[in-house]
Amino acid sequence: MSQTLVQKICRTKPIDTTVEYGEGLSSSGLSRSIGLFSLTMIGVGATIGTGIFFTMVEAVPKAGPSVVLSFLIAAITAGLTALCYAELSFRIPASGSSYSFAYATVGEFLAFIMAACLLLEYGLAGSAVAIGWSSYLNNFLENAFGWHIPEMLRTPMIVSGPHGMEFHAGHINLPPIFLICMCGFLLLRGAKESALMNAIMVIIKLSILVFFIAIAFSGFNADNFVPFFNTDNSKGFAGMTGVTAAAGTVFFSFIGLDTVATAGDEVKDPKRNVPRGILYGLLIVTVFYLLVAVAALGAQQAKLFEGQEAGLAVILQNVTGKTWPALVLSAGAVISVFSVTLVTIYGQTRILFAVSRDGLIPKSFQKIHPRTLVPVSNTIIVCLVVAVVAGSIDATYLWDMVSIGTLTAFMVVSIAVPVLRHKQGANRIEGFSVPFGPYVIPGLSVLACLYIMRDLPHTTFVVFSIWMAVTVAIYFLYSMRHSHLGKKAR
């Protein structure tokens, strides 16, 4: 029997076909080889590094010392959503993250919208952090060997200038392209190898951040926190407005929540490990973010952050008067951003795999290599797109786009919790559940996301609207007709 348009866009995937438990190989064909420790490290690797190493330069000029509150607001919002993610990943532990959750609860159309948000989020995040990697690489090469990467080989074609967008013909940012190629090579070797390498890099990264915290606190000056709020309203960021705007800038740093959930098809005992991986990862990330932010602001006046390259390395050099601490920090940042880029590209390829498996995009995106059990086409295509963006566009244009995609995905995940509770009713299996019922925490999560989103730039909403329009067109022209779920209903 044919379906109406409303029935088509609202059709949901049955939970029993979304959930794939199994040991060894999941029913999707991917290998279940990732344990709780590696899964937690995937989440930590996707978050720590971006907000601390790079967005401080963008966020501190907006909020001043009160950027600490911005990180706290972002962390609380992420924590509320983390509880929703934990429940949904327990009940729907399949690859695809917000996409899979939406498909099982609020319908196919919104699930496809979520897939587009996640692709935007992961793709631009991978590009943005890879761009920032080049500043620390340049600092490392300068302090270690006295080398400088030529300006035309580390400057993108499209940059943000004092009078708006500027074009530099013949320029290309090569370091992030090189980084993305390395990540692609590692991902093509297999998920287990990638997770192991990521865990090693995350441990090194945390050690480097402890090193920074210890040295920065030795030069701590409480006067740097006075006045606590930004008093310069020339750009409209005085007081709490600056705090909220900065929270929107740093919020994308918490996309590790999504990354943990995207690995559902490759995790051992996903019902148990995915919720724990999400919550453990968030706790580790929040503690480090706050410690590093307080230490950095205590060691350097807020006004010095604006336009500063390799900011944390410069702070150590100024505190100690020596170059070797900056050298160690820059080396740690180079390692850190490698792990962030690795897991964001990984997450994007697994989302494409999940969407293709449902017939909403061409089946070439779900082809798996017979030996490594890796979606090869996805990995190559994602790396090419991310590399082109990273090599040609200034990161200034990417941060807020990543945040709006993340916030939108987080809101739908929060809405999915009460919907799923209602659908399962008395048949709901026992396990992790959001505390205080199905409405309080999810409702607060949605409100918190909207609060942060309200101070994002107008241009961010314009570009996001264009991306959504393209997504809707693809759904109605291709996805709705090729949906496997739709074919079963015919």
Protein backbone atom coordinates (compact mmCIF):
# COMPACT_ATOMS: atom_id res chain seq x y z
CA MET A 1 0.00 0.00 0.00
CA SER A 2 1.37 3.42 -0.95
CA GLN A 3 2.23 5.90 1.79
CA THR A 4 1.23 9.54 2.05
CA LEU A 5 3.94 12.21 2.10
CA VAL A 6 3.55 12.68 5.85
CA GLN A 7 3.84 8.94 6.44
CA LYS A 8 7.00 8.81 4.34
CA ILE A 9 8.85 11.58 6.14
CA CYS A 10 7.68 10.40 9.57
CA ARG A 11 8.42 6.68 9.15
CA THR A 12 10.71 5.38 11.87
CA LYS A 13 13.14 2.52 11.92
CA PRO A 14 12.09 -0.28 14.29
CA ILE A 15 14.34 -0.50 17.34
CA ASP A 16 15.05 -4.19 16.77
CA THR A 17 16.50 -3.42 13.32
CA THR A 18 18.42 -0.39 14.55
CA VAL A 19 20.04 -2.22 17.45
CA GLU A 20 22.75 -4.68 16.57
CA TYR A 21 24.40 -6.27 19.59
CA GLY A 22 26.54 -9.31 18.76
CA GLU A 23 30.16 -10.03 19.55
CA GLY A 24 33.09 -10.17 17.18
CA LEU A 25 31.30 -8.86 14.07
CA SER A 26 28.18 -6.73 14.19
CA SER A 27 25.44 -7.50 11.69
CA SER A 28 26.66 -4.50 9.70
CA GLY A 29 29.92 -6.31 8.97
CA LEU A 30 32.09 -3.97 11.04
CA SER A 31 34.44 -5.51 13.61
CA ARG A 32 33.57 -5.16 17.32
CA SER A 33 37.09 -4.41 18.55
CA ILE A 34 36.82 -1.22 20.65
CA GLY A 35 36.66 -1.52 24.45
CA LEU A 36 35.62 1.00 27.13
CA PHE A 37 39.07 2.53 27.59
CA SER A 38 39.64 3.05 23.86
CA LEU A 39 36.08 4.35 23.47
CA THR A 40 36.57 6.90 26.26
CA MET A 41 39.85 7.95 24.66
CA ILE A 42 38.01 8.45 21.34
CA GLY A 43 35.70 10.91 23.09
CA VAL A 44 38.54 12.67 24.88
CA GLY A 45 40.58 12.77 21.69
CA ALA A 46 37.72 14.44 19.82
CA THR A 47 37.33 17.21 22.39
CA ILE A 48 40.45 18.14 24.33
CA GLY A 49 42.66 20.13 22.03
CA THR A 50 40.16 22.11 20.00
CA GLY A 51 38.63 24.29 22.71
CA ILE A 52 41.85 24.81 24.62
CA PHE A 53 44.55 25.07 21.98
CA PHE A 54 42.66 27.18 19.44
CA THR A 55 39.33 28.71 20.41
CA MET A 56 40.75 30.53 23.43
CA VAL A 57 42.12 33.01 20.90
CA GLU A 58 38.60 33.51 19.51
CA ALA A 59 36.66 33.28 22.78
CA VAL A 60 38.71 35.32 25.27
CA PRO A 61 38.38 38.60 23.29
CA LYS A 62 34.59 38.17 23.53
CA ALA A 63 34.27 37.27 27.21
CA GLY A 64 37.53 38.32 28.85
CA PRO A 65 38.41 36.34 32.01
CA SER A 66 34.76 35.28 32.27
CA VAL A 67 35.46 32.86 29.41
CA VAL A 68 35.80 30.38 32.27
CA LEU A 69 32.03 30.73 32.67
CA SER A 70 31.66 30.18 28.92
CA PHE A 71 33.41 26.82 29.20
CA LEU A 72 31.29 25.98 32.25
CA ILE A 73 28.04 26.87 30.44
CA ALA A 74 29.11 24.79 27.45
CA ALA A 75 30.08 21.91 29.74
CA ILE A 76 26.76 21.98 31.62
CA THR A 77 24.85 22.03 28.34
CA ALA A 78 26.97 19.17 27.05
CA GLY A 79 26.44 17.33 30.32
CA LEU A 80 22.65 17.58 30.04
CA THR A 81 22.86 16.27 26.49
CA ALA A 82 25.37 13.61 27.54
CA LEU A 83 22.74 12.07 29.80
CA CYS A 84 20.36 11.93 26.82
CA TYR A 85 23.07 10.43 24.63
CA ALA A 86 23.84 7.85 27.30
CA GLU A 87 20.23 6.62 27.49
CA LEU A 88 19.76 6.56 23.72
CA SER A 89 23.08 4.84 23.08
CA PHE A 90 22.08 2.18 25.62
CA ARG A 91 18.80 1.51 23.82
CA ILE A 92 20.01 2.15 20.25
CA PRO A 93 23.72 1.21 20.21
CA ALA A 94 24.32 1.43 16.45
CA SER A 95 26.66 3.51 14.31
CA GLY A 96 25.30 6.87 13.27
CA SER A 97 24.93 8.73 16.56
CA SER A 98 22.19 11.38 16.42
CA TYR A 99 21.15 10.07 13.02
CA SER A 100 20.34 6.58 14.34
CA PHE A 101 18.59 8.03 17.39
CA ALA A 102 16.44 10.31 15.24
CA TYR A 103 15.58 7.54 12.76
CA ALA A 104 14.25 5.36 15.56
CA THR A 105 12.24 8.13 17.21
CA VAL A 106 11.28 11.30 15.30
CA GLY A 107 11.27 9.96 11.74
CA GLU A 108 13.27 9.55 8.55
CA PHE A 109 13.17 13.17 7.37
CA LEU A 110 14.53 14.61 10.62
CA ALA A 111 17.04 11.77 10.75
CA PHE A 112 18.36 12.83 7.35
CA ILE A 113 18.49 16.44 8.57
CA MET A 114 20.52 15.23 11.54
CA ALA A 115 22.90 13.36 9.25
CA ALA A 116 23.49 16.61 7.35
CA CYS A 117 24.13 18.48 10.62
CA LEU A 118 26.61 15.85 11.72
CA LEU A 119 28.42 15.86 8.39
CA LEU A 120 28.70 19.65 8.62
CA GLU A 121 29.83 19.40 12.23
CA TYR A 122 32.49 16.73 11.74
CA GLY A 123 33.71 17.91 8.35
CA LEU A 124 34.24 21.55 9.31
CA ALA A 125 35.59 20.62 12.75
CA GLY A 126 38.18 18.39 11.10
CA SER A 127 39.15 21.22 8.75
CA ALA A 128 39.23 23.87 11.50
CA VAL A 129 41.44 21.96 13.91
CA ALA A 130 43.75 20.89 11.10
CA ILE A 131 44.16 24.57 10.19
CA GLY A 132 45.03 25.42 13.79
CA TRP A 133 47.56 22.59 13.82
CA SER A 134 49.75 24.50 11.38
CA SER A 135 50.28 27.39 13.86
CA TYR A 136 51.66 25.04 16.52
CA LEU A 137 53.68 23.16 13.92
CA ASN A 138 55.23 26.44 12.81
CA ASN A 139 55.98 27.36 16.45
CA PHE A 140 57.59 23.96 17.02
CA LEU A 141 59.75 24.18 13.89
CA GLU A 142 60.80 27.73 14.77
CA ASN A 143 61.82 26.90 18.35
CA ALA A 144 63.41 23.55 17.53
CA PHE A 145 65.19 24.24 14.25
CA GLY A 146 64.72 27.91 13.42
CA TRP A 147 62.62 26.97 10.39
CA HIS A 148 59.63 28.89 9.05
CA ILE A 149 57.01 27.50 6.69
CA PRO A 150 56.73 30.02 3.82
CA GLU A 151 53.70 32.29 4.19
CA MET A 152 52.16 31.31 0.86
CA LEU A 153 52.31 27.64 1.89
CA ARG A 154 50.60 28.16 5.26
CA THR A 155 47.99 30.78 4.34
CA PRO A 156 44.62 29.76 2.85
CA MET A 157 43.20 31.37 -0.26
CA ILE A 158 40.20 32.80 1.63
CA VAL A 159 41.05 34.66 4.86
CA SER A 160 39.34 37.02 7.29
CA GLY A 161 40.78 40.53 7.03
CA PRO A 162 40.05 43.84 8.81
CA HIS A 163 37.51 44.74 6.11
CA GLY A 164 35.93 41.30 5.71
CA MET A 165 36.74 38.40 3.42
CA GLU A 166 40.00 38.61 1.47
CA PHE A 167 41.30 36.42 -1.38
CA HIS A 168 44.95 35.46 -1.78
CA ALA A 169 45.50 33.90 -5.20
CA GLY A 170 48.25 31.31 -5.33
CA HIS A 171 48.18 30.64 -1.56
CA ILE A 172 47.45 27.26 -0.03
CA ASN A 173 47.61 25.96 3.53
CA LEU A 174 49.67 22.80 3.07
CA PRO A 175 50.26 21.62 6.69
CA PRO A 176 46.60 20.76 7.40
CA ILE A 177 46.34 18.95 4.07
CA PHE A 178 49.35 16.85 5.06
CA LEU A 179 47.77 16.13 8.46
CA ILE A 180 44.48 15.01 6.93
CA CYS A 181 46.30 12.69 4.53
CA MET A 182 48.09 11.07 7.47
CA CYS A 183 44.78 10.58 9.30
CA GLY A 184 43.22 9.04 6.20
CA PHE A 185 46.11 6.58 5.84
CA LEU A 186 45.76 5.48 9.47
CA LEU A 187 41.97 5.12 9.25
CA LEU A 188 42.28 2.95 6.16
CA ARG A 189 44.31 0.46 8.21
CA GLY A 190 41.33 -0.40 10.42
CA ALA A 191 39.30 0.73 13.44
CA LYS A 192 41.26 -1.23 16.06
CA GLU A 193 44.59 0.19 14.92
CA SER A 194 43.09 3.70 14.75
CA ALA A 195 41.61 3.43 18.26
CA LEU A 196 44.91 2.17 19.71
CA MET A 197 46.90 4.98 18.09
CA ASN A 198 44.33 7.52 19.26
CA ALA A 199 44.53 6.26 22.87
CA ILE A 200 48.32 6.63 22.86
CA MET A 201 48.11 10.17 21.50
CA VAL A 202 45.43 11.16 24.04
CA ILE A 203 47.58 9.98 26.96
CA ILE A 204 50.50 12.02 25.62
CA LYS A 205 48.18 15.00 25.19
CA LEU A 206 46.86 14.87 28.75
CA SER A 207 50.41 14.70 30.05
CA ILE A 208 51.30 17.80 28.03
CA LEU A 209 48.31 19.69 29.42
CA VAL A 210 49.28 18.75 32.99
CA PHE A 211 52.73 20.13 32.13
CA PHE A 212 51.13 23.39 30.95
CA ILE A 213 48.89 23.71 34.01
CA ALA A 214 51.81 23.24 36.40
CA ILE A 215 54.02 25.87 34.73
CA ALA A 216 51.24 28.37 34.02
CA PHE A 217 50.05 28.31 37.63
CA SER A 218 53.60 29.16 38.73
CA GLY A 219 53.09 32.54 37.04
CA PHE A 220 49.49 32.96 38.22
CA ASN A 221 48.34 36.55 38.80
CA ALA A 222 44.86 37.00 40.27
CA ASP A 223 44.80 40.60 39.00
CA ASN A 224 44.36 39.21 35.47
CA PHE A 225 40.78 38.30 36.44
CA VAL A 226 39.85 41.92 37.23
CA PRO A 227 37.54 43.04 35.74
CA PHE A 228 36.05 39.57 35.40
CA PHE A 229 33.55 40.44 32.64
CA ASN A 230 34.41 42.09 29.34
CA THR A 231 33.79 45.85 29.65
CA ASP A 232 34.55 46.71 26.01
CA ASN A 233 31.24 46.97 24.16
CA SER A 234 32.72 48.16 20.85
CA LYS A 235 31.85 44.78 19.31
CA GLY A 236 28.73 44.18 21.40
CA PHE A 237 30.33 41.62 23.74
CA ALA A 238 30.14 43.37 27.12
CA GLY A 239 29.00 41.46 30.21
CA MET A 240 27.00 38.24 29.89
CA THR A 241 26.51 38.80 26.15
CA GLY A 242 30.21 38.15 25.70
CA VAL A 243 30.03 35.08 27.94
CA THR A 244 27.20 33.59 25.87
CA ALA A 245 28.86 34.46 22.56
CA ALA A 246 32.09 32.84 23.73
CA ALA A 247 30.15 29.77 24.90
CA GLY A 248 28.84 29.41 21.36
CA THR A 249 32.37 29.63 20.00
CA VAL A 250 33.85 26.99 22.29
CA PHE A 251 30.83 24.68 22.30
CA PHE A 252 31.93 22.69 19.27
CA SER A 253 34.75 21.35 21.44
CA PHE A 254 32.25 18.92 22.95
CA ILE A 255 31.54 17.04 19.73
CA GLY A 256 33.31 14.08 21.31
CA LEU A 257 29.88 13.06 22.61
CA ASP A 258 28.77 12.42 19.05
CA THR A 259 31.97 10.60 18.16
CA VAL A 260 31.59 8.04 20.95
CA ALA A 261 28.03 7.28 19.85
CA THR A 262 29.04 6.88 16.18
CA ALA A 263 31.19 3.88 17.10
CA GLY A 264 28.26 1.72 18.27
CA ASP A 265 28.75 -0.91 15.57
CA GLU A 266 32.42 -1.42 16.52
CA VAL A 267 32.21 -1.41 20.33
CA LYS A 268 32.36 -4.47 22.55
CA ASP A 269 29.19 -4.69 24.66
CA PRO A 270 27.80 -1.34 23.39
CA LYS A 271 24.82 -1.32 25.79
CA ARG A 272 27.24 -1.05 28.70
CA ASN A 273 30.27 0.69 27.26
CA VAL A 274 28.84 3.49 25.10
CA PRO A 275 26.94 5.26 27.94
CA ARG A 276 29.96 4.95 30.22
CA GLY A 277 32.34 6.13 27.51
CA ILE A 278 30.23 9.26 26.96
CA LEU A 279 30.03 10.21 30.65
CA TYR A 280 33.64 9.36 31.52
CA GLY A 281 34.90 11.29 28.50
CA LEU A 282 32.83 14.38 29.36
CA LEU A 283 34.08 14.39 32.96
CA ILE A 284 37.75 14.19 31.91
CA VAL A 285 37.30 16.88 29.27
CA THR A 286 35.50 19.34 31.55
CA VAL A 287 38.10 19.10 34.32
CA PHE A 288 40.97 19.72 31.91
CA TYR A 289 39.20 22.55 30.07
CA LEU A 290 38.54 24.49 33.27
CA LEU A 291 42.02 23.93 34.70
CA VAL A 292 43.80 25.01 31.53
CA ALA A 293 41.52 28.03 31.03
CA VAL A 294 42.08 29.29 34.59
CA ALA A 295 45.84 28.68 34.37
CA ALA A 296 46.13 30.44 31.00
CA LEU A 297 44.15 33.50 32.10
CA GLY A 298 46.08 33.67 35.35
CA ALA A 299 49.37 33.71 33.47
CA GLN A 300 48.42 36.16 30.70
CA GLN A 301 46.14 39.19 30.49
CA ALA A 302 42.95 38.61 28.49
CA LYS A 303 43.71 41.46 26.08
CA LEU A 304 46.82 39.63 24.81
CA PHE A 305 44.90 36.61 23.49
CA GLU A 306 43.39 38.29 20.43
CA GLY A 307 45.19 37.37 17.21
CA GLN A 308 47.79 35.31 19.08
CA GLU A 309 49.14 32.24 17.26
CA ALA A 310 50.09 29.13 19.25
CA GLY A 311 48.71 30.92 22.32
CA LEU A 312 49.47 28.38 25.05
CA ALA A 313 53.04 27.91 23.84
CA VAL A 314 53.59 31.68 23.94
CA ILE A 315 52.24 31.80 27.51
CA LEU A 316 54.79 29.23 28.69
CA GLN A 317 57.59 31.09 26.96
CA ASN A 318 56.57 34.35 28.64
CA VAL A 319 56.17 32.76 32.09
CA THR A 320 59.52 30.95 32.07
CA GLY A 321 61.55 33.21 29.79
CA LYS A 322 62.76 30.07 28.03
CA THR A 323 61.90 28.41 24.72
CA TRP A 324 62.00 24.75 25.75
CA PRO A 325 58.60 24.76 27.57
CA ALA A 326 57.02 26.29 24.46
CA LEU A 327 58.76 23.65 22.37
CA VAL A 328 57.33 20.84 24.51
CA LEU A 329 53.85 22.39 24.45
CA SER A 330 53.91 22.87 20.67
CA ALA A 331 54.97 19.26 20.20
CA GLY A 332 52.06 18.20 22.42
CA ALA A 333 49.66 20.37 20.44
CA VAL A 334 50.83 18.83 17.18
CA ILE A 335 50.08 15.38 18.63
CA SER A 336 46.82 16.59 20.18
CA VAL A 337 45.35 17.96 16.99
CA PHE A 338 46.32 14.83 15.11
CA SER A 339 44.05 12.82 17.43
CA VAL A 340 41.22 15.36 17.15
CA THR A 341 41.36 15.34 13.36
CA LEU A 342 41.58 11.55 13.34
CA VAL A 343 38.39 11.00 15.34
CA THR A 344 36.36 13.70 13.58
CA ILE A 345 37.13 12.14 10.20
CA TYR A 346 36.39 8.71 11.69
CA GLY A 347 33.00 9.91 12.94
CA GLN A 348 32.06 11.40 9.59
CA THR A 349 32.85 8.21 7.67
CA ARG A 350 30.71 6.13 10.06
CA ILE A 351 27.76 8.48 9.69
CA LEU A 352 27.95 8.18 5.90
CA PHE A 353 28.11 4.40 6.33
CA ALA A 354 24.96 4.38 8.47
CA VAL A 355 23.00 6.66 6.12
CA SER A 356 24.03 4.64 3.07
CA ARG A 357 23.07 1.40 4.81
CA ASP A 358 19.53 2.78 5.06
CA GLY A 359 19.44 3.64 1.34
CA LEU A 360 19.27 7.42 1.83
CA ILE A 361 22.51 8.00 -0.09
CA PRO A 362 24.18 5.78 -2.75
CA LYS A 363 25.26 2.31 -1.63
CA SER A 364 28.89 2.97 -2.57
CA PHE A 365 29.22 4.67 0.83
CA GLN A 366 28.67 1.37 2.65
CA LYS A 367 31.25 -0.74 0.83
CA ILE A 368 33.71 -2.32 3.28
CA HIS A 369 37.22 -3.56 2.55
CA PRO A 370 37.23 -7.36 3.00
CA ARG A 371 40.46 -7.42 5.03
CA THR A 372 40.42 -4.24 7.15
CA LEU A 373 36.60 -4.05 7.42
CA VAL A 374 36.83 -0.29 6.81
CA PRO A 375 34.49 1.77 4.55
CA VAL A 376 37.21 2.76 2.08
CA SER A 377 35.18 5.00 -0.26
CA ASN A 378 33.85 7.01 2.68
CA THR A 379 37.29 7.56 4.11
CA ILE A 380 38.82 8.71 0.83
CA ILE A 381 35.93 11.05 -0.07
CA VAL A 382 35.76 12.59 3.42
CA CYS A 383 39.51 13.18 3.52
CA LEU A 384 39.46 14.86 0.11
CA VAL A 385 36.63 17.24 1.04
CA VAL A 386 38.06 18.07 4.48
CA ALA A 387 41.51 18.66 2.96
CA VAL A 388 40.15 21.04 0.30
CA VAL A 389 38.31 23.11 2.93
CA ALA A 390 41.31 23.15 5.28
CA GLY A 391 43.71 24.17 2.55
CA SER A 392 41.64 27.02 1.14
CA ILE A 393 39.47 28.62 3.89
CA ASP A 394 40.38 30.49 7.09
CA ALA A 395 39.29 28.74 10.29
CA THR A 396 37.54 31.95 11.42
CA TYR A 397 34.66 31.08 9.10
CA LEU A 398 34.35 27.52 10.40
CA TRP A 399 34.11 27.63 14.23
CA ASP A 400 30.53 28.94 14.54
CA MET A 401 29.26 26.72 11.71
CA VAL A 402 30.49 23.69 13.63
CA SER A 403 28.77 24.95 16.78
CA ILE A 404 25.37 25.44 15.14
CA GLY A 405 25.50 21.94 13.66
CA THR A 406 26.43 20.49 17.04
CA LEU A 407 23.74 22.41 18.92
CA THR A 408 21.06 21.35 16.44
CA ALA A 409 22.07 17.71 16.73
CA PHE A 410 22.10 17.95 20.52
CA MET A 411 18.57 19.39 20.58
CA VAL A 412 17.15 16.58 18.46
CA VAL A 413 18.90 14.00 20.65
CA SER A 414 17.27 15.58 23.70
CA ILE A 415 13.83 15.54 22.06
CA ALA A 416 14.33 11.90 21.09
CA VAL A 417 14.47 10.74 24.73
CA PRO A 418 10.80 11.38 25.68
CA VAL A 419 9.70 10.21 22.22
CA LEU A 420 11.52 6.89 22.68
CA ARG A 421 10.19 6.48 26.22
CA HIS A 422 6.65 6.99 24.90
CA LYS A 423 7.15 4.52 22.04
CA GLN A 424 8.55 1.77 24.25
CA GLY A 425 6.15 2.32 27.14
CA ALA A 426 5.94 -0.64 29.48
CA ASN A 427 8.19 -2.66 27.15
CA ARG A 428 11.18 -0.43 27.93
CA ILE A 429 14.13 -2.56 28.99
CA GLU A 430 15.87 -1.82 32.30
CA GLY A 431 19.17 0.02 32.14
CA PHE A 432 20.56 3.54 32.09
CA SER A 433 17.84 6.21 32.07
CA VAL A 434 17.94 9.99 32.24
CA PRO A 435 17.19 11.00 35.86
CA PHE A 436 14.09 12.97 36.92
CA GLY A 437 11.88 11.47 34.23
CA PRO A 438 11.87 11.87 30.45
CA TYR A 439 11.13 15.61 30.29
CA VAL A 440 13.19 17.60 32.84
CA ILE A 441 16.77 16.95 31.69
CA PRO A 442 15.94 16.80 27.95
CA GLY A 443 13.90 20.01 28.27
CA LEU A 444 16.73 21.82 30.07
CA SER A 445 19.14 20.57 27.42
CA VAL A 446 17.05 22.05 24.59
CA LEU A 447 16.72 25.38 26.40
CA ALA A 448 20.46 25.51 27.09
CA CYS A 449 21.26 24.84 23.43
CA LEU A 450 18.87 27.60 22.31
CA TYR A 451 20.41 29.98 24.85
CA ILE A 452 23.90 29.44 23.44
CA MET A 453 22.70 29.48 19.83
CA ARG A 454 21.01 32.88 20.12
CA ASP A 455 24.30 34.83 20.10
CA LEU A 456 25.88 33.10 17.09
CA PRO A 457 26.57 35.47 14.15
CA HIS A 458 23.80 36.21 11.66
CA THR A 459 25.92 34.93 8.77
CA THR A 460 26.18 31.56 10.51
CA PHE A 461 22.40 31.17 10.40
CA VAL A 462 22.31 32.23 6.73
CA VAL A 463 24.92 29.67 5.65
CA PHE A 464 23.31 26.99 7.82
CA SER A 465 19.93 27.70 6.21
CA ILE A 466 21.45 27.24 2.75
CA TRP A 467 22.97 23.92 3.85
CA MET A 468 19.60 22.81 5.19
CA ALA A 469 17.86 23.80 1.93
CA VAL A 470 20.29 21.66 -0.05
CA THR A 471 19.74 18.79 2.38
CA VAL A 472 15.96 18.98 2.03
CA ALA A 473 16.26 18.99 -1.77
CA ILE A 474 18.45 15.87 -1.73
CA TYR A 475 16.01 14.09 0.56
CA PHE A 476 12.96 14.69 -1.63
CA LEU A 477 14.78 14.15 -4.94
CA TYR A 478 16.72 11.00 -3.97
CA SER A 479 16.57 9.74 -0.40
CA MET A 480 12.81 9.40 0.03
CA ARG A 481 12.53 7.24 -3.12
CA HIS A 482 15.54 5.02 -2.34
CA SER A 483 14.92 4.49 1.38
CA HIS A 484 15.12 0.81 2.32
CA LEU A 485 12.47 1.40 4.95
CA GLY A 486 10.23 2.95 2.31
CA LYS A 487 10.71 0.02 -0.06
CA LYS A 488 9.56 -2.39 2.65
CA ALA A 489 6.36 -0.38 3.07
CA ARG A 490 5.44 -0.50 -0.63
